[in-house]
Amino acid sequence: MKIIVIGSGYVGLVTAACFSEVGLDVWCMDTDSAKVAQLNAGHCPIYEPSLPELLARNAAAGRLHFSDSLEQCLVDADVAFIAVGTPEGEDGSADVSYVRNAARSVGRLMKGDLVVVVKSTVPVGTCAQVETILREELKARNASFAFDVVSNPEFLKEGHAVDDFMMPDRVVIGVESARARAVMAELYRPFMMTGDRIVFMDRASSELTKYTANAMLATRISFMNDIANLCERVGANVDMVRKGIGMDHRIGPKFLYAGCGYGGSCFPKDVKALIATAAQHGYDMEVLQAVERVNARQKTVLFEKISRHFKGELKGRVVAVWGLAFKPGTDDMREAPSLVLISALLEAGCAVRVFDPVAMEKSRALLGDAVYFAKNMYDAAQGADALAVVTEWKEFRLPDWKKLRAAMKTPVVFDGRNIYREESLKNAGFLGYRIG
């Protein structure tokens, strides 16, 4: 079976690499010729553990190909995955123009019967739009190829995407025909050797499942951040509260960690898109609107703690920031809480020294010369009046406290991810501020 993947972004590359790993002939297509040239030269354009090795191994084996020609890719293709971006529009809704454009191109160029799979995160009704577009394009060509349109949203966690694809906890597929169902079941069979975790449903339900999953996770995060802020006011400890409720099997322990807000390419965008979808259908998503407000406020918490500690006298202070990416395991800076903190510190007149294990280059493109990009975590702390930990990279969890104390001007740590115990900070001679 030959499959093509349209889009060589995060989802497209992982999808192409993992399908080729199980023996399929995979062509990954992108309109960015420079990016295609990089991929053909063996360069992986994103940071994702195990992905560069997977791309290299399958390209060398002749199972994975990269091209900027959709027409070339569609020759003898059986399945075409659309994995292009759906960025946030001006009104908060998802911009599906790239999906529609990809569908139009497929309709103009398809060479035979085809199953078209929408892998992009799209609002309810997008697969129906794709079906209409394909029908219009084939009619204009006077072509009579058979096709099916399938919804197959991704549930990949950045930093664990390859494992998530190869060993999925579930695969959601929205289909409208027995033929499409059979093709998709065969495609995912190699990933189901330890149990059938495919959930077949209608396309609208599949499209909505993706948004609902991300919205639920975002809700849990914002809810616990709200509780953390209350804990600080009433003298409770959010870690104890988290453990207490997480032992309830109806709740569970995951996504209950308080912090300085969520970011990334999915949660912020998808929460807004779901709110916008509801508004288009005359419904007000009050819970998700609150989730969004709480998260925006939570991204300011570290700055507020720093400002209170120094009694508002921040001009001329040196603040070190450990962690720039929105989460560990990725170099993704989209909606990163670090950017909100750094912007506030700079506006207050602080000098900011930053370090991240993998996101330094992407951060430079966003921050320019406004901050000092350190050689390592201790260089970032050199002469600092305060240290703010924004991303919970593993290498930050057990620092050399003596070395850190010697580097800093003032031993005070603002722990935005609650990775340090209060007694550890105190024993090392540091004043520590945590969340909740």
Protein backbone atom coordinates (compact mmCIF):
# COMPACT_ATOMS: atom_id res chain seq x y z
CA MET A 1 0.00 0.00 0.00
CA LYS A 2 1.30 3.44 -0.92
CA ILE A 3 0.34 6.40 1.23
CA ILE A 4 1.14 10.07 0.92
CA VAL A 5 1.26 12.65 3.68
CA ILE A 6 0.60 16.26 2.69
CA GLY A 7 2.47 18.54 5.08
CA SER A 8 5.87 17.99 6.65
CA GLY A 9 5.20 19.74 9.91
CA TYR A 10 5.09 18.14 13.33
CA VAL A 11 2.13 15.83 12.67
CA GLY A 12 3.02 15.11 9.04
CA LEU A 13 6.62 14.06 9.72
CA VAL A 14 5.73 11.80 12.65
CA THR A 15 2.89 10.21 10.66
CA ALA A 16 5.08 9.61 7.62
CA ALA A 17 8.02 8.26 9.62
CA CYS A 18 5.93 5.87 11.71
CA PHE A 19 3.96 4.44 8.80
CA SER A 20 7.17 3.86 6.86
CA GLU A 21 8.63 2.12 9.92
CA VAL A 22 6.04 -0.67 9.58
CA GLY A 23 6.92 -1.27 5.93
CA LEU A 24 4.61 1.01 3.98
CA ASP A 25 5.75 3.02 0.95
CA VAL A 26 5.34 6.60 2.18
CA TRP A 27 5.72 9.88 0.32
CA CYS A 28 5.75 13.07 2.37
CA MET A 29 4.88 16.15 0.34
CA ASP A 30 5.35 19.83 1.17
CA THR A 31 5.10 22.97 -0.95
CA ASP A 32 8.20 24.38 0.80
CA SER A 33 10.95 23.24 -1.58
CA ALA A 34 13.72 24.35 0.78
CA LYS A 35 12.28 22.24 3.57
CA VAL A 36 11.96 19.25 1.25
CA ALA A 37 15.60 19.68 0.24
CA GLN A 38 16.59 19.71 3.92
CA LEU A 39 14.67 16.52 4.57
CA ASN A 40 16.22 14.82 1.55
CA ALA A 41 19.62 15.88 2.88
CA GLY A 42 18.88 14.11 6.16
CA HIS A 43 18.06 17.16 8.29
CA CYS A 44 15.07 16.95 10.65
CA PRO A 45 13.54 20.46 10.95
CA ILE A 46 11.94 19.93 14.37
CA TYR A 47 13.15 18.67 17.73
CA GLU A 48 11.42 15.43 18.65
CA PRO A 49 13.15 12.50 20.37
CA SER A 50 13.68 9.44 18.09
CA LEU A 51 12.26 11.18 15.02
CA PRO A 52 15.58 12.00 13.26
CA GLU A 53 16.70 8.38 13.56
CA LEU A 54 13.35 7.14 12.27
CA LEU A 55 13.46 9.47 9.27
CA ALA A 56 17.03 8.52 8.41
CA ARG A 57 16.50 4.77 8.77
CA ASN A 58 13.41 4.61 6.57
CA ALA A 59 14.74 7.02 3.95
CA ALA A 60 17.87 4.84 3.66
CA ALA A 61 15.67 1.75 3.32
CA GLY A 62 13.79 3.34 0.43
CA ARG A 63 10.43 3.35 2.21
CA LEU A 64 10.25 7.10 2.94
CA HIS A 65 10.45 9.81 0.29
CA PHE A 66 10.13 13.60 0.35
CA SER A 67 8.85 15.68 -2.56
CA ASP A 68 7.43 19.11 -3.37
CA SER A 69 5.38 17.64 -6.25
CA LEU A 70 1.90 16.46 -5.24
CA GLU A 71 1.34 15.13 -8.76
CA GLN A 72 4.38 12.89 -8.43
CA CYS A 73 3.29 11.67 -5.00
CA LEU A 74 -0.24 10.80 -6.12
CA VAL A 75 0.91 8.29 -8.73
CA ASP A 76 -0.39 4.85 -7.58
CA ALA A 77 -1.34 6.29 -4.17
CA ASP A 78 -3.97 4.44 -2.14
CA VAL A 79 -4.33 6.82 0.83
CA ALA A 80 -3.62 10.54 1.15
CA PHE A 81 -3.28 12.07 4.62
CA ILE A 82 -3.84 15.81 4.92
CA ALA A 83 -1.61 17.01 7.79
CA VAL A 84 -1.33 20.74 7.20
CA GLY A 85 -1.62 23.52 9.75
CA THR A 86 -4.88 24.98 11.03
CA PRO A 87 -3.68 28.19 12.70
CA GLU A 88 -5.82 30.41 14.86
CA GLY A 89 -7.86 32.91 12.89
CA GLU A 90 -8.49 36.51 13.89
CA ASP A 91 -11.74 35.57 15.64
CA GLY A 92 -10.20 32.59 17.47
CA SER A 93 -11.66 30.01 15.10
CA ALA A 94 -9.44 27.52 13.28
CA ASP A 95 -8.28 28.63 9.83
CA VAL A 96 -8.86 25.58 7.62
CA SER A 97 -7.83 27.25 4.37
CA TYR A 98 -4.70 25.08 4.11
CA VAL A 99 -6.85 21.95 4.45
CA ARG A 100 -9.24 23.17 1.76
CA ASN A 101 -6.35 24.09 -0.54
CA ALA A 102 -4.81 20.65 -0.06
CA ALA A 103 -8.15 18.99 -0.84
CA ARG A 104 -8.53 21.10 -3.97
CA SER A 105 -5.07 20.11 -5.16
CA VAL A 106 -5.77 16.43 -4.50
CA GLY A 107 -9.01 16.66 -6.46
CA ARG A 108 -7.23 18.27 -9.42
CA LEU A 109 -4.36 15.78 -9.49
CA MET A 110 -5.56 12.40 -8.16
CA LYS A 111 -4.84 9.56 -10.57
CA GLY A 112 -7.25 6.89 -9.34
CA ASP A 113 -9.46 5.77 -6.47
CA LEU A 114 -8.29 7.26 -3.18
CA VAL A 115 -9.00 7.39 0.53
CA VAL A 116 -8.42 10.96 1.75
CA VAL A 117 -7.71 11.19 5.48
CA VAL A 118 -7.91 14.49 7.34
CA LYS A 119 -5.23 14.25 10.04
CA SER A 120 -5.17 17.98 10.79
CA THR A 121 -7.07 19.27 13.80
CA VAL A 122 -10.22 20.69 12.21
CA PRO A 123 -13.65 21.95 13.32
CA VAL A 124 -16.74 19.81 12.93
CA GLY A 125 -17.89 19.78 9.32
CA THR A 126 -14.46 20.12 7.71
CA CYS A 127 -14.45 16.56 6.34
CA ALA A 128 -17.81 17.26 4.72
CA GLN A 129 -16.27 20.38 3.13
CA VAL A 130 -13.34 18.30 1.86
CA GLU A 131 -15.75 15.81 0.33
CA THR A 132 -17.60 18.60 -1.48
CA ILE A 133 -14.34 20.09 -2.78
CA LEU A 134 -13.14 16.73 -4.11
CA ARG A 135 -16.46 16.13 -5.83
CA GLU A 136 -16.36 19.58 -7.45
CA GLU A 137 -12.80 19.14 -8.70
CA LEU A 138 -13.47 15.70 -10.15
CA LYS A 139 -16.61 16.98 -11.84
CA ALA A 140 -14.63 19.83 -13.40
CA ARG A 141 -12.17 17.27 -14.77
CA ASN A 142 -14.97 14.96 -15.88
CA ALA A 143 -13.24 12.24 -13.84
CA SER A 144 -15.08 9.42 -12.08
CA PHE A 145 -12.60 8.16 -9.52
CA ALA A 146 -14.06 6.78 -6.31
CA PHE A 147 -12.99 8.39 -3.07
CA ASP A 148 -13.73 8.39 0.63
CA VAL A 149 -13.04 11.12 3.18
CA VAL A 150 -12.00 10.01 6.65
CA SER A 151 -11.41 11.89 9.92
CA ASN A 152 -8.38 10.60 11.83
CA PRO A 153 -7.26 13.18 14.43
CA GLU A 154 -3.83 12.91 16.03
CA PHE A 155 -3.25 12.59 19.77
CA LEU A 156 0.50 13.11 19.89
CA LYS A 157 2.30 14.64 22.87
CA GLU A 158 5.32 16.72 21.91
CA GLY A 159 8.39 15.02 23.30
CA HIS A 160 6.69 11.60 23.14
CA ALA A 161 5.13 11.70 19.67
CA VAL A 162 6.90 8.69 18.16
CA ASP A 163 5.94 6.44 21.08
CA ASP A 164 2.39 7.81 21.03
CA PHE A 165 2.04 6.90 17.35
CA MET A 166 3.74 3.51 17.56
CA MET A 167 1.94 2.48 20.77
CA PRO A 168 -1.29 4.51 20.80
CA ASP A 169 -3.72 4.38 23.69
CA ARG A 170 -6.46 4.83 21.10
CA VAL A 171 -6.91 5.57 17.40
CA VAL A 172 -10.04 7.57 16.57
CA ILE A 173 -11.40 7.19 13.04
CA GLY A 174 -14.49 8.80 11.57
CA VAL A 175 -15.76 6.98 8.49
CA GLU A 176 -18.84 6.95 6.30
CA SER A 177 -18.27 3.74 4.29
CA ALA A 178 -17.31 0.10 4.81
CA ARG A 179 -14.49 0.47 2.27
CA ALA A 180 -12.87 3.34 4.18
CA ARG A 181 -13.26 1.46 7.45
CA ALA A 182 -11.51 -1.61 6.02
CA VAL A 183 -8.61 0.47 4.62
CA MET A 184 -8.06 2.33 7.87
CA ALA A 185 -8.24 -0.87 9.94
CA GLU A 186 -5.55 -2.41 7.75
CA LEU A 187 -3.35 0.70 7.97
CA TYR A 188 -3.37 0.71 11.76
CA ARG A 189 -3.24 -3.08 12.24
CA PRO A 190 0.57 -3.10 12.80
CA PHE A 191 0.11 -0.76 15.77
CA MET A 192 -2.61 -2.92 17.34
CA MET A 193 -0.72 -6.16 17.96
CA THR A 194 -1.34 -5.98 21.72
CA GLY A 195 -5.03 -5.18 21.45
CA ASP A 196 -7.52 -3.43 19.22
CA ARG A 197 -7.72 0.17 20.36
CA ILE A 198 -9.36 1.61 17.24
CA VAL A 199 -12.57 3.53 17.89
CA PHE A 200 -14.71 3.91 14.77
CA MET A 201 -17.37 6.61 14.74
CA ASP A 202 -19.01 9.14 12.46
CA ARG A 203 -16.84 11.95 11.09
CA ALA A 204 -18.43 14.79 13.07
CA SER A 205 -17.92 12.93 16.35
CA SER A 206 -14.30 12.17 15.41
CA GLU A 207 -13.59 15.83 14.61
CA LEU A 208 -15.12 16.95 17.90
CA THR A 209 -13.30 14.26 19.92
CA LYS A 210 -9.93 15.86 19.22
CA TYR A 211 -11.02 19.29 20.43
CA THR A 212 -12.82 17.86 23.42
CA ALA A 213 -9.75 15.90 24.56
CA ASN A 214 -7.49 18.97 24.50
CA ALA A 215 -10.15 21.15 26.09
CA MET A 216 -10.61 18.67 28.93
CA LEU A 217 -6.86 18.53 29.63
CA ALA A 218 -6.61 22.32 29.53
CA THR A 219 -9.56 22.50 31.92
CA ARG A 220 -7.84 20.23 34.44
CA ILE A 221 -4.71 22.39 34.31
CA SER A 222 -6.56 25.67 34.77
CA PHE A 223 -8.74 24.20 37.51
CA MET A 224 -5.69 23.12 39.53
CA ASN A 225 -4.02 26.49 38.96
CA ASP A 226 -7.15 28.12 40.34
CA ILE A 227 -6.99 25.80 43.36
CA ALA A 228 -3.26 26.55 43.78
CA ASN A 229 -3.96 30.27 43.95
CA LEU A 230 -6.63 29.62 46.56
CA CYS A 231 -4.20 27.42 48.52
CA GLU A 232 -1.81 30.35 48.88
CA ARG A 233 -4.59 32.48 50.34
CA VAL A 234 -5.92 29.93 52.84
CA GLY A 235 -2.63 28.31 53.90
CA ALA A 236 -3.14 24.95 52.16
CA ASN A 237 -0.61 23.03 50.04
CA VAL A 238 -1.67 22.30 46.46
CA ASP A 239 0.61 19.24 46.27
CA MET A 240 -1.27 17.67 49.16
CA VAL A 241 -4.62 18.58 47.63
CA ARG A 242 -3.52 17.11 44.28
CA LYS A 243 -2.52 13.82 45.89
CA GLY A 244 -5.73 13.69 47.86
CA ILE A 245 -8.03 14.08 44.89
CA GLY A 246 -5.83 12.17 42.44
CA MET A 247 -6.32 8.96 44.41
CA ASP A 248 -10.02 9.10 43.55
CA HIS A 249 -10.34 6.76 40.57
CA ARG A 250 -13.05 8.96 39.11
CA ILE A 251 -10.52 11.81 38.89
CA GLY A 252 -7.09 10.18 38.53
CA PRO A 253 -3.68 11.81 39.05
CA LYS A 254 -2.81 13.12 35.58
CA PHE A 255 -2.84 16.79 34.52
CA LEU A 256 -3.39 17.96 38.09
CA TYR A 257 -0.04 19.72 38.50
CA ALA A 258 -0.15 23.42 39.31
CA GLY A 259 2.23 25.72 37.45
CA CYS A 260 2.63 28.96 35.56
CA GLY A 261 0.18 28.18 32.77
CA TYR A 262 -0.03 26.00 29.68
CA GLY A 263 1.18 26.88 26.19
CA GLY A 264 2.06 25.10 22.97
CA SER A 265 0.46 24.71 19.59
CA CYS A 266 -2.60 22.74 20.73
CA PHE A 267 -4.28 23.68 24.00
CA PRO A 268 -4.52 27.47 23.54
CA LYS A 269 -5.54 27.23 19.90
CA ASP A 270 -7.97 24.35 20.34
CA VAL A 271 -9.74 25.87 23.36
CA LYS A 272 -10.30 29.06 21.36
CA ALA A 273 -11.46 27.10 18.31
CA LEU A 274 -13.98 25.09 20.33
CA ILE A 275 -15.36 28.28 21.88
CA ALA A 276 -15.64 29.77 18.38
CA THR A 277 -17.34 26.66 16.97
CA ALA A 278 -19.92 26.78 19.75
CA ALA A 279 -20.53 30.51 19.14
CA GLN A 280 -21.12 29.83 15.44
CA HIS A 281 -23.88 27.44 16.51
CA GLY A 282 -25.40 29.83 19.02
CA TYR A 283 -23.93 28.25 22.16
CA ASP A 284 -21.80 29.85 24.87
CA MET A 285 -18.97 27.64 26.23
CA GLU A 286 -18.79 29.26 29.66
CA VAL A 287 -16.45 26.71 31.28
CA LEU A 288 -13.87 26.97 28.48
CA GLN A 289 -14.00 30.76 28.52
CA ALA A 290 -13.06 30.58 32.20
CA VAL A 291 -10.29 28.08 31.40
CA GLU A 292 -8.83 30.55 28.94
CA ARG A 293 -9.03 33.47 31.39
CA VAL A 294 -7.43 31.48 34.20
CA ASN A 295 -4.56 30.40 31.96
CA ALA A 296 -3.89 33.95 30.78
CA ARG A 297 -3.80 35.11 34.41
CA GLN A 298 -1.61 32.19 35.49
CA LYS A 299 1.11 33.16 33.04
CA THR A 300 1.58 36.38 35.06
CA VAL A 301 1.91 34.65 38.44
CA LEU A 302 5.70 34.31 38.44
CA PHE A 303 6.21 37.96 37.58
CA GLU A 304 3.80 38.99 40.33
CA LYS A 305 5.70 36.87 42.87
CA ILE A 306 9.02 38.37 41.75
CA SER A 307 7.61 41.88 41.93
CA ARG A 308 6.18 41.34 45.43
CA HIS A 309 9.45 39.89 46.69
CA PHE A 310 11.37 42.98 45.56
CA LYS A 311 8.53 45.30 46.68
CA GLY A 312 8.07 46.53 43.13
CA GLU A 313 11.67 47.71 42.82
CA LEU A 314 12.70 45.73 39.74
CA LYS A 315 14.59 48.23 37.62
CA GLY A 316 18.19 47.13 37.25
CA ARG A 317 17.58 43.68 38.74
CA VAL A 318 19.09 40.66 37.01
CA VAL A 319 16.72 37.72 36.62
CA ALA A 320 17.75 34.28 35.35
CA VAL A 321 15.16 32.20 33.52
CA TRP A 322 15.58 28.44 33.27
CA GLY A 323 13.38 26.94 30.55
CA LEU A 324 11.97 28.66 27.47
CA ALA A 325 10.02 25.99 25.55
CA PHE A 326 6.39 25.63 26.57
CA LYS A 327 7.15 22.15 27.95
CA PRO A 328 10.16 19.82 28.29
CA GLY A 329 11.01 17.50 25.39
CA THR A 330 10.42 20.07 22.65
CA ASP A 331 11.79 23.33 21.23
CA ASP A 332 8.27 24.65 20.60
CA MET A 333 7.91 28.27 21.73
CA ARG A 334 4.31 28.79 20.70
CA GLU A 335 2.30 30.41 23.52
CA ALA A 336 5.16 29.65 25.94
CA PRO A 337 4.67 31.07 29.46
CA SER A 338 8.35 32.09 29.45
CA LEU A 339 7.61 34.74 26.83
CA VAL A 340 4.99 36.39 29.04
CA LEU A 341 7.38 36.44 32.01
CA ILE A 342 10.34 37.73 30.01
CA SER A 343 8.27 40.48 28.42
CA ALA A 344 7.05 41.67 31.83
CA LEU A 345 10.57 41.57 33.30
CA LEU A 346 12.02 43.58 30.42
CA GLU A 347 9.22 46.13 30.64
CA ALA A 348 9.97 46.52 34.37
CA GLY A 349 13.60 47.31 33.57
CA CYS A 350 15.20 43.98 34.45
CA ALA A 351 18.17 42.40 32.72
CA VAL A 352 17.20 38.85 31.75
CA ARG A 353 19.56 35.88 31.33
CA VAL A 354 18.00 32.75 29.80
CA PHE A 355 18.84 29.12 29.18
CA ASP A 356 16.96 26.18 27.64
CA PRO A 357 18.49 22.82 26.65
CA VAL A 358 16.99 22.81 23.13
CA ALA A 359 14.94 25.96 22.46
CA MET A 360 17.70 28.59 22.33
CA GLU A 361 17.71 29.03 18.56
CA LYS A 362 13.96 29.39 18.26
CA SER A 363 14.01 31.78 21.21
CA ARG A 364 16.63 33.97 19.54
CA ALA A 365 14.28 34.48 16.61
CA LEU A 366 11.63 35.76 19.04
CA LEU A 367 13.70 37.67 21.60
CA GLY A 368 16.64 38.92 19.56
CA ASP A 369 19.15 40.92 21.61
CA ALA A 370 16.70 41.77 24.39
CA VAL A 371 18.07 39.01 26.65
CA TYR A 372 21.38 37.29 27.32
CA PHE A 373 21.47 33.74 25.93
CA ALA A 374 23.57 31.77 28.39
CA LYS A 375 25.98 28.93 27.63
CA ASN A 376 24.44 26.74 30.33
CA MET A 377 22.13 26.89 33.33
CA TYR A 378 24.80 28.19 35.70
CA ASP A 379 25.95 30.85 33.25
CA ALA A 380 22.34 32.07 33.16
CA ALA A 381 22.38 32.40 36.96
CA GLN A 382 25.62 34.39 37.05
CA GLY A 383 25.07 37.57 39.08
CA ALA A 384 21.31 37.04 39.21
CA ASP A 385 19.12 38.61 41.86
CA ALA A 386 16.56 35.88 41.25
CA LEU A 387 16.06 32.62 39.36
CA ALA A 388 12.74 31.74 37.73
CA VAL A 389 12.19 28.11 36.66
CA VAL A 390 9.59 28.07 33.91
CA THR A 391 10.08 24.72 32.12
CA GLU A 392 10.64 21.52 34.10
CA TRP A 393 13.53 20.04 32.14
CA LYS A 394 15.04 17.05 33.95
CA GLU A 395 18.49 18.65 34.17
CA PHE A 396 17.03 21.45 36.28
CA ARG A 397 15.60 19.10 38.90
CA LEU A 398 18.79 18.37 40.87
CA PRO A 399 21.13 21.31 40.34
CA ASP A 400 24.46 21.72 42.06
CA TRP A 401 23.12 23.99 44.79
CA LYS A 402 26.59 25.15 45.91
CA LYS A 403 27.55 26.08 42.37
CA LEU A 404 24.23 27.85 41.87
CA ARG A 405 24.57 29.72 45.16
CA ALA A 406 28.07 30.87 44.20
CA ALA A 407 26.83 32.12 40.83
CA MET A 408 23.85 34.11 42.08
CA LYS A 409 23.94 37.50 43.74
CA THR A 410 20.84 36.74 45.81
CA PRO A 411 19.74 33.16 46.61
CA VAL A 412 16.06 33.29 45.73
CA VAL A 413 14.24 30.84 43.44
CA PHE A 414 10.79 31.23 41.91
CA ASP A 415 9.72 27.69 41.05
CA GLY A 416 7.05 27.91 38.39
CA ARG A 417 6.62 24.13 38.09
CA ASN A 418 6.96 23.00 41.72
CA ILE A 419 9.94 20.76 40.97
CA TYR A 420 11.81 21.63 44.19
CA ARG A 421 10.89 20.68 47.72
CA GLU A 422 10.78 23.51 50.21
CA GLU A 423 13.22 21.78 52.55
CA SER A 424 15.72 21.24 49.71
CA LEU A 425 15.74 24.93 48.89
CA LYS A 426 15.99 25.91 52.54
CA ASN A 427 18.81 23.46 53.29
CA ALA A 428 20.74 24.81 50.31
CA GLY A 429 20.42 28.34 51.65
CA PHE A 430 17.79 29.53 49.18
CA LEU A 431 14.56 31.36 49.69
CA GLY A 432 11.99 29.58 47.56
CA TYR A 433 8.62 30.57 46.12
CA ARG A 434 6.43 27.84 44.64
CA ILE A 435 2.95 27.73 43.05
CA GLY A 436 0.18 27.02 45.58
